[in-house]
């Protein structure tokens, strides 16, 4: 039981050892522990500051990204509008060119038809002339088989030419 009862010497040496331990800890361990805690605290504060900066940069980047997207949409719309206008202009030019070419073809066809019509009319007139001469020749041959009819016809032509 003596071990459990405190004695003055035991208390004294325990207090001396405790104070010596506190002095040693203060001299050698307390400063490094406090500086480690301070360094850790500074690191945490730096990390928080960097996180805030990163957050601000992300917000800035997000705003820039949204602005760039809006600009890209506006530019895309402008390009699409310009493309539609170019398409409409090309279609209109193609229609005009096709109409012009069609008009030229129609005019050329009309000229070809007129030329062929004139050629056909000339051919018909020539054939009618030849046919008329052939008919007249046949009629004259029939009428002029005898000499008396020939003399009468010649006399008729001479009388007509004297009158003119």
Foldseek 3Di string as FASTA:
>chain_A
DVVPDDDPVNVVVVVVVVVVVVVCCVVPPPVVVVVVVVVVVVVVVVVVVVVVVVVVVVVVVVVVVVVVVVVVVVVVVVVVVVVVVVVVVVVVVVVVVVVVVVVVVVVVVVVVVVVVVVVVVVVVVVVVVVVVVVVVVVVCCVQPVDPVSVVVVVVVVVVVVVVD
